[in-house]
Amino acid sequence: MAETLLTPDEFRATFAAMREELGKVIVGQRDVIDDLLVAFFAGGHVLFEGVPGLGKTLLAKTFADVLGLSFKRIQCTPDLMPADILGTQMVVDRDGHKAFDFSRGPIFTNVLLADEINRATPKTQSALLEAMAERQVSIAGATHKLEDPFFVMATQNPIEMEGTYPLPEAQLDRFLFKVFVGYPTPEELSQIIRQTTRAIVAQAQPVLKPAQAREWILRARHLVREVLVSSGVEDYVVRLVTATRPRAEEPDHAATKFLRYGASPRGAQAVLLGAKVLALINGRVNVSFEDVDRVVVPALNHRLVLSFEAEADRRSPHDVLKTIVDPIRQGR
């Protein structure tokens, strides 16, 4: 870790430059871009959900280019095996003797895109668990450290589409944010087809050079954790997360009616870390209630397990979360 920290002004200026460069290639989707950058500087991973063709893969590649980081992509399919992601032991000839040599898989990179992750089988999905949580992989009794920074961007099609495997709760909980990517507006669609069907295609320029990227990012993440949090804001986060837990003594409470399980402590960490990044972006060194409100949905929506009643009523996690947190927001 570098001895000196970035200043908040340096962080904000570089963040704005990254946002601008991404916007040259990705039309619209301002909130999606912000959520991606916030999650990255908070030190977490991101899961994007949306139908094919909305630019999720392009966003991932452009993001790595802008930050000056190495990038690899995995196309998830039902026949993809864990070794195809992590790597495998190969038999090689060394000085006339047979020996095992570890051949690294695509997970050994700074930015890993797991494209259509819910098309891979649960066995293959679980191969990412240790990597996402511990930044390492264990193969044949040996532990291999991953690149630093290591960031997973996964995309998935909506669960109701054919040929998909819903991600288990333990896997979902490893993502700091789950972000929904929606359709572009008619105006944005017009800009997209103009921008992508002409001879000269828009290109984003790196904001960080590869040689400086790692050190700068580590300093930025350190700065994020130095952002101050008042006891009032901390209590607000605790109340929001606690409100998602079903209560047997309150059968009419929204969490009890519509949820089987609420957000884990990791959800509270995600909310607070994301809010700290937002504070820096907005020119402050302390977290506000508004920062918390902005990140509650992407930080918690994938950590809620719906009840049968909620599914029968066709309520989404976003709907249930809004029902739960709105009274707390209004009464703070």
C-alpha atoms as a PDB file:
ATOM      1  CA  MET A   1       0.000   0.000   0.000  1.00  0.00           C
ATOM      2  CA  ALA A   2       1.319   3.428  -0.869  1.00  0.00           C
ATOM      3  CA  GLU A   3       2.174   5.611   2.119  1.00  0.00           C
ATOM      4  CA  THR A   4       0.234   8.646   0.898  1.00  0.00           C
ATOM      5  CA  LEU A   5      -3.477   8.781   0.271  1.00  0.00           C
ATOM      6  CA  LEU A   6      -5.257  10.457  -2.585  1.00  0.00           C
ATOM      7  CA  THR A   7      -7.083  13.647  -1.773  1.00  0.00           C
ATOM      8  CA  PRO A   8     -10.873  13.666  -2.152  1.00  0.00           C
ATOM      9  CA  ASP A   9     -10.530  16.181  -4.980  1.00  0.00           C
ATOM     10  CA  GLU A  10      -8.147  13.886  -6.875  1.00  0.00           C
ATOM     11  CA  PHE A  11     -10.497  10.965  -6.448  1.00  0.00           C
ATOM     12  CA  ARG A  12     -13.532  12.945  -7.582  1.00  0.00           C
ATOM     13  CA  ALA A  13     -11.761  14.313 -10.660  1.00  0.00           C
ATOM     14  CA  THR A  14     -10.524  10.893 -11.759  1.00  0.00           C
ATOM     15  CA  PHE A  15     -13.920   9.303 -11.109  1.00  0.00           C
ATOM     16  CA  ALA A  16     -15.557  11.975 -13.283  1.00  0.00           C
ATOM     17  CA  ALA A  17     -13.016  11.327 -16.051  1.00  0.00           C
ATOM     18  CA  MET A  18     -13.748   7.584 -15.932  1.00  0.00           C
ATOM     19  CA  ARG A  19     -17.477   8.228 -16.079  1.00  0.00           C
ATOM     20  CA  GLU A  20     -16.994  10.516 -19.080  1.00  0.00           C
ATOM     21  CA  GLU A  21     -14.856   8.013 -21.004  1.00  0.00           C
ATOM     22  CA  LEU A  22     -17.331   5.197 -20.370  1.00  0.00           C
ATOM     23  CA  GLY A  23     -20.112   7.492 -21.573  1.00  0.00           C
ATOM     24  CA  LYS A  24     -18.387   7.870 -24.937  1.00  0.00           C
ATOM     25  CA  VAL A  25     -19.035   4.199 -25.686  1.00  0.00           C
ATOM     26  CA  ILE A  26     -22.018   3.331 -23.479  1.00  0.00           C
ATOM     27  CA  VAL A  27     -25.007   5.462 -24.441  1.00  0.00           C
ATOM     28  CA  GLY A  28     -27.291   6.362 -21.536  1.00  0.00           C
ATOM     29  CA  GLN A  29     -27.203   3.950 -18.569  1.00  0.00           C
ATOM     30  CA  ARG A  30     -25.762   6.669 -16.318  1.00  0.00           C
ATOM     31  CA  ASP A  31     -26.929   4.976 -13.120  1.00  0.00           C
ATOM     32  CA  VAL A  32     -25.549   1.625 -14.299  1.00  0.00           C
ATOM     33  CA  ILE A  33     -22.131   3.166 -14.970  1.00  0.00           C
ATOM     34  CA  ASP A  34     -22.133   4.881 -11.585  1.00  0.00           C
ATOM     35  CA  ASP A  35     -23.123   1.670  -9.790  1.00  0.00           C
ATOM     36  CA  LEU A  36     -20.297  -0.181 -11.525  1.00  0.00           C
ATOM     37  CA  LEU A  37     -17.677   2.391 -10.522  1.00  0.00           C
ATOM     38  CA  VAL A  38     -19.029   2.706  -6.979  1.00  0.00           C
ATOM     39  CA  ALA A  39     -18.925  -1.054  -6.432  1.00  0.00           C
ATOM     40  CA  PHE A  40     -15.414  -1.301  -7.818  1.00  0.00           C
ATOM     41  CA  PHE A  41     -13.961   1.398  -5.577  1.00  0.00           C
ATOM     42  CA  ALA A  42     -15.852  -0.057  -2.620  1.00  0.00           C
ATOM     43  CA  GLY A  43     -13.897  -3.268  -3.236  1.00  0.00           C
ATOM     44  CA  GLY A  44     -16.800  -5.501  -4.281  1.00  0.00           C
ATOM     45  CA  HIS A  45     -18.132  -7.349  -7.315  1.00  0.00           C
ATOM     46  CA  VAL A  46     -21.134  -6.591  -9.526  1.00  0.00           C
ATOM     47  CA  LEU A  47     -23.903  -8.708 -11.014  1.00  0.00           C
ATOM     48  CA  PHE A  48     -25.780  -7.210 -13.972  1.00  0.00           C
ATOM     49  CA  GLU A  49     -29.188  -8.512 -14.970  1.00  0.00           C
ATOM     50  CA  GLY A  50     -30.878  -7.736 -18.257  1.00  0.00           C
ATOM     51  CA  VAL A  51     -31.941  -9.224 -21.552  1.00  0.00           C
ATOM     52  CA  PRO A  52     -29.261  -9.822 -24.224  1.00  0.00           C
ATOM     53  CA  GLY A  53     -28.147  -6.951 -26.401  1.00  0.00           C
ATOM     54  CA  LEU A  54     -28.141  -4.100 -23.873  1.00  0.00           C
ATOM     55  CA  GLY A  55     -24.372  -3.556 -23.875  1.00  0.00           C
ATOM     56  CA  LYS A  56     -23.402  -5.336 -20.655  1.00  0.00           C
ATOM     57  CA  THR A  57     -20.414  -7.110 -22.213  1.00  0.00           C
ATOM     58  CA  LEU A  58     -19.277  -3.933 -23.961  1.00  0.00           C
ATOM     59  CA  LEU A  59     -19.483  -2.061 -20.669  1.00  0.00           C
ATOM     60  CA  ALA A  60     -17.222  -4.622 -18.969  1.00  0.00           C
ATOM     61  CA  LYS A  61     -14.536  -4.468 -21.658  1.00  0.00           C
ATOM     62  CA  THR A  62     -14.631  -0.679 -21.850  1.00  0.00           C
ATOM     63  CA  PHE A  63     -14.442  -0.451 -18.059  1.00  0.00           C
ATOM     64  CA  ALA A  64     -11.210  -2.472 -17.978  1.00  0.00           C
ATOM     65  CA  ASP A  65      -9.703  -0.374 -20.777  1.00  0.00           C
ATOM     66  CA  VAL A  66     -10.544   2.909 -19.054  1.00  0.00           C
ATOM     67  CA  LEU A  67      -8.973   1.772 -15.771  1.00  0.00           C
ATOM     68  CA  GLY A  68      -5.862   0.364 -17.451  1.00  0.00           C
ATOM     69  CA  LEU A  69      -6.471  -3.141 -16.119  1.00  0.00           C
ATOM     70  CA  SER A  70      -6.128  -6.609 -17.624  1.00  0.00           C
ATOM     71  CA  PHE A  71      -9.380  -8.183 -18.776  1.00  0.00           C
ATOM     72  CA  LYS A  72     -10.618 -11.692 -19.539  1.00  0.00           C
ATOM     73  CA  ARG A  73     -14.041 -12.965 -20.476  1.00  0.00           C
ATOM     74  CA  ILE A  74     -15.709 -16.300 -19.794  1.00  0.00           C
ATOM     75  CA  GLN A  75     -18.745 -17.286 -21.819  1.00  0.00           C
ATOM     76  CA  CYS A  76     -20.759 -19.419 -19.428  1.00  0.00           C
ATOM     77  CA  THR A  77     -22.489 -22.451 -20.931  1.00  0.00           C
ATOM     78  CA  PRO A  78     -23.925 -25.657 -19.410  1.00  0.00           C
ATOM     79  CA  ASP A  79     -20.817 -27.640 -20.397  1.00  0.00           C
ATOM     80  CA  LEU A  80     -18.357 -25.176 -18.813  1.00  0.00           C
ATOM     81  CA  MET A  81     -16.299 -26.863 -16.076  1.00  0.00           C
ATOM     82  CA  PRO A  82     -14.620 -25.314 -12.991  1.00  0.00           C
ATOM     83  CA  ALA A  83     -11.186 -26.092 -14.460  1.00  0.00           C
ATOM     84  CA  ASP A  84     -12.091 -23.951 -17.482  1.00  0.00           C
ATOM     85  CA  ILE A  85     -12.244 -20.969 -15.110  1.00  0.00           C
ATOM     86  CA  LEU A  86      -9.641 -21.722 -12.456  1.00  0.00           C
ATOM     87  CA  GLY A  87      -7.026 -23.663 -14.415  1.00  0.00           C
ATOM     88  CA  THR A  88      -5.741 -27.198 -14.140  1.00  0.00           C
ATOM     89  CA  GLN A  89      -2.697 -29.335 -13.379  1.00  0.00           C
ATOM     90  CA  MET A  90      -0.815 -30.315 -16.547  1.00  0.00           C
ATOM     91  CA  VAL A  91       1.737 -33.104 -16.912  1.00  0.00           C
ATOM     92  CA  VAL A  92       4.983 -31.661 -18.315  1.00  0.00           C
ATOM     93  CA  ASP A  93       8.449 -32.984 -19.041  1.00  0.00           C
ATOM     94  CA  ARG A  94      11.175 -31.483 -16.822  1.00  0.00           C
ATOM     95  CA  ASP A  95      14.701 -32.679 -17.344  1.00  0.00           C
ATOM     96  CA  GLY A  96      13.466 -36.035 -18.530  1.00  0.00           C
ATOM     97  CA  HIS A  97      11.042 -36.463 -15.653  1.00  0.00           C
ATOM     98  CA  LYS A  98       7.278 -36.102 -15.610  1.00  0.00           C
ATOM     99  CA  ALA A  99       5.954 -33.372 -13.328  1.00  0.00           C
ATOM    100  CA  PHE A 100       2.773 -31.464 -12.690  1.00  0.00           C
ATOM    101  CA  ASP A 101       2.603 -27.827 -13.732  1.00  0.00           C
ATOM    102  CA  PHE A 102      -0.305 -25.501 -12.975  1.00  0.00           C
ATOM    103  CA  SER A 103      -1.822 -23.930 -16.074  1.00  0.00           C
ATOM    104  CA  ARG A 104      -3.634 -20.774 -15.018  1.00  0.00           C
ATOM    105  CA  GLY A 105      -7.194 -20.200 -16.108  1.00  0.00           C
ATOM    106  CA  PRO A 106      -8.826 -16.918 -17.125  1.00  0.00           C
ATOM    107  CA  ILE A 107      -9.625 -16.079 -13.495  1.00  0.00           C
ATOM    108  CA  PHE A 108      -6.045 -14.813 -13.146  1.00  0.00           C
ATOM    109  CA  THR A 109      -6.738 -11.272 -14.308  1.00  0.00           C
ATOM    110  CA  ASN A 110      -7.785  -7.913 -12.874  1.00  0.00           C
ATOM    111  CA  VAL A 111     -11.267  -7.753 -14.387  1.00  0.00           C
ATOM    112  CA  LEU A 112     -13.111 -10.999 -15.049  1.00  0.00           C
ATOM    113  CA  LEU A 113     -16.366 -10.994 -16.992  1.00  0.00           C
ATOM    114  CA  ALA A 114     -18.536 -14.053 -16.370  1.00  0.00           C
ATOM    115  CA  ASP A 115     -20.961 -13.589 -19.230  1.00  0.00           C
ATOM    116  CA  GLU A 116     -24.416 -15.133 -18.754  1.00  0.00           C
ATOM    117  CA  ILE A 117     -23.331 -16.693 -15.477  1.00  0.00           C
ATOM    118  CA  ASN A 118     -26.743 -18.243 -14.906  1.00  0.00           C
ATOM    119  CA  ARG A 119     -26.257 -20.472 -17.961  1.00  0.00           C
ATOM    120  CA  ALA A 120     -23.433 -22.292 -16.152  1.00  0.00           C
ATOM    121  CA  THR A 121     -24.273 -25.202 -13.863  1.00  0.00           C
ATOM    122  CA  PRO A 122     -24.258 -24.677 -10.067  1.00  0.00           C
ATOM    123  CA  LYS A 123     -21.013 -26.672  -9.819  1.00  0.00           C
ATOM    124  CA  THR A 124     -19.264 -24.226 -12.133  1.00  0.00           C
ATOM    125  CA  GLN A 125     -20.870 -21.189 -10.501  1.00  0.00           C
ATOM    126  CA  SER A 126     -19.511 -22.322  -7.144  1.00  0.00           C
ATOM    127  CA  ALA A 127     -15.968 -22.310  -8.541  1.00  0.00           C
ATOM    128  CA  LEU A 128     -16.044 -18.547  -8.210  1.00  0.00           C
ATOM    129  CA  LEU A 129     -16.977 -18.494  -4.508  1.00  0.00           C
ATOM    130  CA  GLU A 130     -13.508 -18.735  -3.004  1.00  0.00           C
ATOM    131  CA  ALA A 131     -12.047 -16.409  -5.621  1.00  0.00           C
ATOM    132  CA  MET A 132     -14.618 -13.688  -4.991  1.00  0.00           C
ATOM    133  CA  ALA A 133     -14.410 -13.885  -1.203  1.00  0.00           C
ATOM    134  CA  GLU A 134     -10.739 -14.640  -0.565  1.00  0.00           C
ATOM    135  CA  ARG A 135      -9.047 -13.439  -3.784  1.00  0.00           C
ATOM    136  CA  GLN A 136      -7.416 -16.837  -4.154  1.00  0.00           C
ATOM    137  CA  VAL A 137      -8.074 -20.283  -5.599  1.00  0.00           C
ATOM    138  CA  SER A 138      -7.130 -23.679  -4.158  1.00  0.00           C
ATOM    139  CA  ILE A 139      -6.275 -26.470  -6.587  1.00  0.00           C
ATOM    140  CA  ALA A 140      -4.654 -29.830  -5.841  1.00  0.00           C
ATOM    141  CA  GLY A 141      -3.753 -28.767  -2.315  1.00  0.00           C
ATOM    142  CA  ALA A 142      -2.030 -25.550  -3.413  1.00  0.00           C
ATOM    143  CA  THR A 143      -3.307 -21.999  -2.950  1.00  0.00           C
ATOM    144  CA  HIS A 144      -2.798 -19.480  -5.724  1.00  0.00           C
ATOM    145  CA  LYS A 145      -3.242 -15.755  -5.101  1.00  0.00           C
ATOM    146  CA  LEU A 146      -5.197 -13.767  -7.661  1.00  0.00           C
ATOM    147  CA  GLU A 147      -4.341 -10.425  -9.189  1.00  0.00           C
ATOM    148  CA  ASP A 148      -4.776  -7.306  -7.046  1.00  0.00           C
ATOM    149  CA  PRO A 149      -7.151  -5.682  -7.738  1.00  0.00           C
ATOM    150  CA  PHE A 150      -9.436  -8.576  -8.674  1.00  0.00           C
ATOM    151  CA  PHE A 151     -12.941  -7.676  -9.793  1.00  0.00           C
ATOM    152  CA  VAL A 152     -15.735  -9.920 -11.061  1.00  0.00           C
ATOM    153  CA  MET A 153     -18.438  -8.570 -13.325  1.00  0.00           C
ATOM    154  CA  ALA A 154     -21.118 -11.131 -14.048  1.00  0.00           C
ATOM    155  CA  THR A 155     -24.106 -10.825 -16.327  1.00  0.00           C
ATOM    156  CA  GLN A 156     -27.247 -12.890 -16.252  1.00  0.00           C
ATOM    157  CA  ASN A 157     -30.457 -13.142 -18.199  1.00  0.00           C
ATOM    158  CA  PRO A 158     -33.710 -12.885 -16.260  1.00  0.00           C
ATOM    159  CA  ILE A 159     -34.393 -16.146 -14.439  1.00  0.00           C
ATOM    160  CA  GLU A 160     -37.592 -16.843 -16.336  1.00  0.00           C
ATOM    161  CA  MET A 161     -35.704 -17.250 -19.629  1.00  0.00           C
ATOM    162  CA  GLU A 162     -35.079 -20.815 -20.883  1.00  0.00           C
ATOM    163  CA  GLY A 163     -31.875 -22.712 -20.154  1.00  0.00           C
ATOM    164  CA  THR A 164     -30.785 -20.894 -17.003  1.00  0.00           C
ATOM    165  CA  TYR A 165     -29.744 -21.968 -13.504  1.00  0.00           C
ATOM    166  CA  PRO A 166     -30.678 -19.535 -10.695  1.00  0.00           C
ATOM    167  CA  LEU A 167     -27.635 -18.484  -8.683  1.00  0.00           C
ATOM    168  CA  PRO A 168     -27.627 -19.893  -5.133  1.00  0.00           C
ATOM    169  CA  GLU A 169     -27.963 -17.425  -2.255  1.00  0.00           C
ATOM    170  CA  ALA A 170     -24.349 -17.944  -1.163  1.00  0.00           C
ATOM    171  CA  GLN A 171     -23.164 -16.953  -4.624  1.00  0.00           C
ATOM    172  CA  LEU A 172     -25.448 -13.922  -4.814  1.00  0.00           C
ATOM    173  CA  ASP A 173     -24.242 -12.696  -1.433  1.00  0.00           C
ATOM    174  CA  ARG A 174     -20.693 -12.427  -2.786  1.00  0.00           C
ATOM    175  CA  PHE A 175     -21.765  -9.615  -5.127  1.00  0.00           C
ATOM    176  CA  LEU A 176     -21.647  -6.164  -3.573  1.00  0.00           C
ATOM    177  CA  PHE A 177     -24.313  -4.864  -5.992  1.00  0.00           C
ATOM    178  CA  LYS A 178     -26.901  -6.373  -8.277  1.00  0.00           C
ATOM    179  CA  VAL A 179     -27.782  -3.888 -11.009  1.00  0.00           C
ATOM    180  CA  PHE A 180     -30.680  -4.092 -13.434  1.00  0.00           C
ATOM    181  CA  VAL A 181     -29.930  -2.931 -16.968  1.00  0.00           C
ATOM    182  CA  GLY A 182     -33.031  -1.628 -18.692  1.00  0.00           C
ATOM    183  CA  TYR A 183     -33.942  -0.803 -22.268  1.00  0.00           C
ATOM    184  CA  PRO A 184     -32.696   2.491 -23.709  1.00  0.00           C
ATOM    185  CA  THR A 185     -35.109   5.319 -24.358  1.00  0.00           C
ATOM    186  CA  PRO A 186     -36.058   6.043 -28.006  1.00  0.00           C
ATOM    187  CA  GLU A 187     -33.617   8.963 -28.023  1.00  0.00           C
ATOM    188  CA  GLU A 188     -30.818   6.795 -26.639  1.00  0.00           C
ATOM    189  CA  LEU A 189     -31.626   4.038 -29.123  1.00  0.00           C
ATOM    190  CA  SER A 190     -31.316   6.521 -31.995  1.00  0.00           C
ATOM    191  CA  GLN A 191     -27.897   7.571 -30.692  1.00  0.00           C
ATOM    192  CA  ILE A 192     -26.835   3.933 -30.306  1.00  0.00           C
ATOM    193  CA  ILE A 193     -27.650   2.966 -33.878  1.00  0.00           C
ATOM    194  CA  ARG A 194     -25.986   6.122 -35.240  1.00  0.00           C
ATOM    195  CA  GLN A 195     -22.879   5.523 -33.133  1.00  0.00           C
ATOM    196  CA  THR A 196     -22.506   1.801 -33.893  1.00  0.00           C
ATOM    197  CA  THR A 197     -23.337   1.669 -37.615  1.00  0.00           C
ATOM    198  CA  ARG A 198     -20.944   4.256 -38.975  1.00  0.00           C
ATOM    199  CA  ALA A 199     -17.392   3.742 -40.225  1.00  0.00           C
ATOM    200  CA  ILE A 200     -15.702   5.313 -37.205  1.00  0.00           C
ATOM    201  CA  VAL A 201     -16.713   3.715 -33.916  1.00  0.00           C
ATOM    202  CA  ALA A 202     -16.409   5.656 -30.664  1.00  0.00           C
ATOM    203  CA  GLN A 203     -13.463   4.615 -28.495  1.00  0.00           C
ATOM    204  CA  ALA A 204     -12.804   5.272 -24.814  1.00  0.00           C
ATOM    205  CA  GLN A 205      -9.341   6.391 -23.741  1.00  0.00           C
ATOM    206  CA  PRO A 206      -7.577   5.009 -20.655  1.00  0.00           C
ATOM    207  CA  VAL A 207      -7.780   7.320 -17.663  1.00  0.00           C
ATOM    208  CA  LEU A 208      -5.138   5.331 -15.789  1.00  0.00           C
ATOM    209  CA  LYS A 209      -1.997   3.938 -17.390  1.00  0.00           C
ATOM    210  CA  PRO A 210      -1.405   0.210 -16.746  1.00  0.00           C
ATOM    211  CA  ALA A 211       1.826   0.995 -14.898  1.00  0.00           C
ATOM    212  CA  GLN A 212       0.060   3.273 -12.400  1.00  0.00           C
ATOM    213  CA  ALA A 213      -3.380   1.666 -12.253  1.00  0.00           C
ATOM    214  CA  ARG A 214      -2.779  -0.827  -9.439  1.00  0.00           C
ATOM    215  CA  GLU A 215      -1.205   1.661  -7.026  1.00  0.00           C
ATOM    216  CA  TRP A 216      -3.781   4.363  -7.751  1.00  0.00           C
ATOM    217  CA  ILE A 217      -6.711   1.973  -7.246  1.00  0.00           C
ATOM    218  CA  LEU A 218      -5.348   0.666  -3.939  1.00  0.00           C
ATOM    219  CA  ARG A 219      -4.879   4.222  -2.705  1.00  0.00           C
ATOM    220  CA  ALA A 220      -8.402   5.111  -3.824  1.00  0.00           C
ATOM    221  CA  ARG A 221      -9.907   2.137  -2.000  1.00  0.00           C
ATOM    222  CA  HIS A 222      -7.980   3.095   1.111  1.00  0.00           C
ATOM    223  CA  LEU A 223      -9.361   6.626   0.867  1.00  0.00           C
ATOM    224  CA  VAL A 224     -12.911   5.264   0.607  1.00  0.00           C
ATOM    225  CA  ARG A 225     -12.545   3.467   3.932  1.00  0.00           C
ATOM    226  CA  GLU A 226     -11.329   6.685   5.569  1.00  0.00           C
ATOM    227  CA  VAL A 227     -14.651   8.441   4.886  1.00  0.00           C
ATOM    228  CA  LEU A 228     -16.384   9.358   8.128  1.00  0.00           C
ATOM    229  CA  VAL A 229     -19.725   7.918   9.256  1.00  0.00           C
ATOM    230  CA  SER A 230     -21.783   9.536  12.014  1.00  0.00           C
ATOM    231  CA  SER A 231     -23.523   7.418  14.617  1.00  0.00           C
ATOM    232  CA  GLY A 232     -26.881   8.571  13.216  1.00  0.00           C
ATOM    233  CA  VAL A 233     -26.099   7.357   9.699  1.00  0.00           C
ATOM    234  CA  GLU A 234     -24.666   4.104  11.024  1.00  0.00           C
ATOM    235  CA  ASP A 235     -27.835   3.516  13.038  1.00  0.00           C
ATOM    236  CA  TYR A 236     -29.894   4.280   9.922  1.00  0.00           C
ATOM    237  CA  VAL A 237     -28.057   1.577   7.963  1.00  0.00           C
ATOM    238  CA  VAL A 238     -28.572  -0.916  10.785  1.00  0.00           C
ATOM    239  CA  ARG A 239     -32.305  -0.162  10.920  1.00  0.00           C
ATOM    240  CA  LEU A 240     -32.692  -0.536   7.156  1.00  0.00           C
ATOM    241  CA  VAL A 241     -30.948  -3.895   7.050  1.00  0.00           C
ATOM    242  CA  THR A 242     -32.596  -5.212  10.204  1.00  0.00           C
ATOM    243  CA  ALA A 243     -36.015  -4.302   8.792  1.00  0.00           C
ATOM    244  CA  THR A 244     -35.572  -6.897   6.042  1.00  0.00           C
ATOM    245  CA  ARG A 245     -35.602  -9.772   8.542  1.00  0.00           C
ATOM    246  CA  PRO A 246     -38.900 -11.647   9.010  1.00  0.00           C
ATOM    247  CA  ARG A 247     -40.382 -11.374  12.497  1.00  0.00           C
ATOM    248  CA  ALA A 248     -42.498 -14.212  13.850  1.00  0.00           C
ATOM    249  CA  GLU A 249     -44.020 -11.897  16.463  1.00  0.00           C
ATOM    250  CA  GLU A 250     -45.179  -9.461  13.725  1.00  0.00           C
ATOM    251  CA  PRO A 251     -47.052 -11.529  11.106  1.00  0.00           C
ATOM    252  CA  ASP A 252     -48.333  -8.416   9.333  1.00  0.00           C
ATOM    253  CA  HIS A 253     -44.892  -6.873   8.902  1.00  0.00           C
ATOM    254  CA  ALA A 254     -43.886  -6.665   5.202  1.00  0.00           C
ATOM    255  CA  ALA A 255     -40.686  -8.634   5.779  1.00  0.00           C
ATOM    256  CA  THR A 256     -42.612 -11.422   7.514  1.00  0.00           C
ATOM    257  CA  LYS A 257     -45.253 -11.618   4.791  1.00  0.00           C
ATOM    258  CA  PHE A 258     -43.044 -11.374   1.729  1.00  0.00           C
ATOM    259  CA  LEU A 259     -39.607 -12.688   2.724  1.00  0.00           C
ATOM    260  CA  ARG A 260     -38.211 -16.007   3.889  1.00  0.00           C
ATOM    261  CA  TYR A 261     -34.806 -14.527   4.649  1.00  0.00           C
ATOM    262  CA  GLY A 262     -33.530 -10.961   4.906  1.00  0.00           C
ATOM    263  CA  ALA A 263     -30.183  -9.315   4.217  1.00  0.00           C
ATOM    264  CA  SER A 264     -27.050 -10.622   5.924  1.00  0.00           C
ATOM    265  CA  PRO A 265     -24.443  -8.459   7.718  1.00  0.00           C
ATOM    266  CA  ARG A 266     -22.599  -8.408   4.404  1.00  0.00           C
ATOM    267  CA  GLY A 267     -25.545  -6.397   3.076  1.00  0.00           C
ATOM    268  CA  ALA A 268     -24.972  -3.690   5.695  1.00  0.00           C
ATOM    269  CA  GLN A 269     -21.295  -3.585   4.756  1.00  0.00           C
ATOM    270  CA  ALA A 270     -22.233  -3.183   1.087  1.00  0.00           C
ATOM    271  CA  VAL A 271     -24.594  -0.293   1.837  1.00  0.00           C
ATOM    272  CA  LEU A 272     -22.061   1.588   3.921  1.00  0.00           C
ATOM    273  CA  LEU A 273     -19.099   1.073   1.591  1.00  0.00           C
ATOM    274  CA  GLY A 274     -21.139   2.145  -1.428  1.00  0.00           C
ATOM    275  CA  ALA A 275     -22.368   5.210   0.454  1.00  0.00           C
ATOM    276  CA  LYS A 276     -18.767   6.143   1.303  1.00  0.00           C
ATOM    277  CA  VAL A 277     -17.824   6.165  -2.380  1.00  0.00           C
ATOM    278  CA  LEU A 278     -20.840   8.332  -3.171  1.00  0.00           C
ATOM    279  CA  ALA A 279     -19.830  10.778  -0.454  1.00  0.00           C
ATOM    280  CA  LEU A 280     -16.436  11.252  -2.097  1.00  0.00           C
ATOM    281  CA  ILE A 281     -18.010  11.666  -5.536  1.00  0.00           C
ATOM    282  CA  ASN A 282     -20.242  14.393  -4.123  1.00  0.00           C
ATOM    283  CA  GLY A 283     -17.323  16.264  -2.585  1.00  0.00           C
ATOM    284  CA  ARG A 284     -17.777  15.219   1.031  1.00  0.00           C
ATOM    285  CA  VAL A 285     -15.686  13.234   3.511  1.00  0.00           C
ATOM    286  CA  ASN A 286     -18.694  12.082   5.514  1.00  0.00           C
ATOM    287  CA  VAL A 287     -21.640   9.875   4.565  1.00  0.00           C
ATOM    288  CA  SER A 288     -25.109  11.408   4.323  1.00  0.00           C
ATOM    289  CA  PHE A 289     -28.541   9.790   4.589  1.00  0.00           C
ATOM    290  CA  GLU A 290     -29.004  10.472   0.865  1.00  0.00           C
ATOM    291  CA  ASP A 291     -25.858   8.494   0.041  1.00  0.00           C
ATOM    292  CA  VAL A 292     -27.304   5.531   1.912  1.00  0.00           C
ATOM    293  CA  ASP A 293     -30.676   5.823   0.176  1.00  0.00           C
ATOM    294  CA  ARG A 294     -28.997   5.804  -3.241  1.00  0.00           C
ATOM    295  CA  VAL A 295     -27.268   2.439  -2.730  1.00  0.00           C
ATOM    296  CA  VAL A 296     -29.847   0.526  -0.681  1.00  0.00           C
ATOM    297  CA  VAL A 297     -31.536  -1.110  -3.680  1.00  0.00           C
ATOM    298  CA  PRO A 298     -28.438  -2.352  -5.576  1.00  0.00           C
ATOM    299  CA  ALA A 299     -26.809  -3.433  -2.304  1.00  0.00           C
ATOM    300  CA  LEU A 300     -29.764  -5.375  -0.869  1.00  0.00           C
ATOM    301  CA  ASN A 301     -32.152  -6.457  -3.634  1.00  0.00           C
ATOM    302  CA  HIS A 302     -30.273  -9.708  -4.390  1.00  0.00           C
ATOM    303  CA  ARG A 303     -29.912 -10.605  -0.717  1.00  0.00           C
ATOM    304  CA  LEU A 304     -33.622 -11.071  -0.104  1.00  0.00           C
ATOM    305  CA  VAL A 305     -35.272 -14.479  -0.466  1.00  0.00           C
ATOM    306  CA  LEU A 306     -38.937 -14.050  -1.373  1.00  0.00           C
ATOM    307  CA  SER A 307     -41.741 -15.997   0.295  1.00  0.00           C
ATOM    308  CA  PHE A 308     -44.324 -18.009  -1.607  1.00  0.00           C
ATOM    309  CA  GLU A 309     -46.856 -15.229  -1.022  1.00  0.00           C
ATOM    310  CA  ALA A 310     -44.574 -12.633  -2.642  1.00  0.00           C
ATOM    311  CA  GLU A 311     -43.932 -14.874  -5.640  1.00  0.00           C
ATOM    312  CA  ALA A 312     -47.645 -15.597  -5.994  1.00  0.00           C
ATOM    313  CA  ASP A 313     -48.328 -11.856  -5.973  1.00  0.00           C
ATOM    314  CA  ARG A 314     -45.546 -11.385  -8.563  1.00  0.00           C
ATOM    315  CA  ARG A 315     -43.682  -9.024  -6.281  1.00  0.00           C
ATOM    316  CA  SER A 316     -40.049  -8.394  -7.134  1.00  0.00           C
ATOM    317  CA  PRO A 317     -37.303  -7.975  -4.493  1.00  0.00           C
ATOM    318  CA  HIS A 318     -37.230  -4.302  -5.471  1.00  0.00           C
ATOM    319  CA  ASP A 319     -40.962  -3.955  -4.714  1.00  0.00           C
ATOM    320  CA  VAL A 320     -40.646  -5.671  -1.353  1.00  0.00           C
ATOM    321  CA  LEU A 321     -37.543  -3.688  -0.410  1.00  0.00           C
ATOM    322  CA  LYS A 322     -39.290  -0.429  -1.215  1.00  0.00           C
ATOM    323  CA  THR A 323     -42.261  -1.425   0.937  1.00  0.00           C
ATOM    324  CA  ILE A 324     -39.939  -2.184   3.845  1.00  0.00           C
ATOM    325  CA  VAL A 325     -37.547   0.779   3.739  1.00  0.00           C
ATOM    326  CA  ASP A 326     -39.882   3.626   2.733  1.00  0.00           C
ATOM    327  CA  PRO A 327     -41.432   3.959   6.229  1.00  0.00           C
ATOM    328  CA  ILE A 328     -37.936   4.069   7.749  1.00  0.00           C
ATOM    329  CA  ARG A 329     -36.817   6.728   5.272  1.00  0.00           C
ATOM    330  CA  GLN A 330     -39.843   8.883   6.017  1.00  0.00           C
ATOM    331  CA  GLY A 331     -39.416   8.565   9.763  1.00  0.00           C
ATOM    332  CA  ARG A 332     -35.699   9.171  10.074  1.00  0.00           C
END
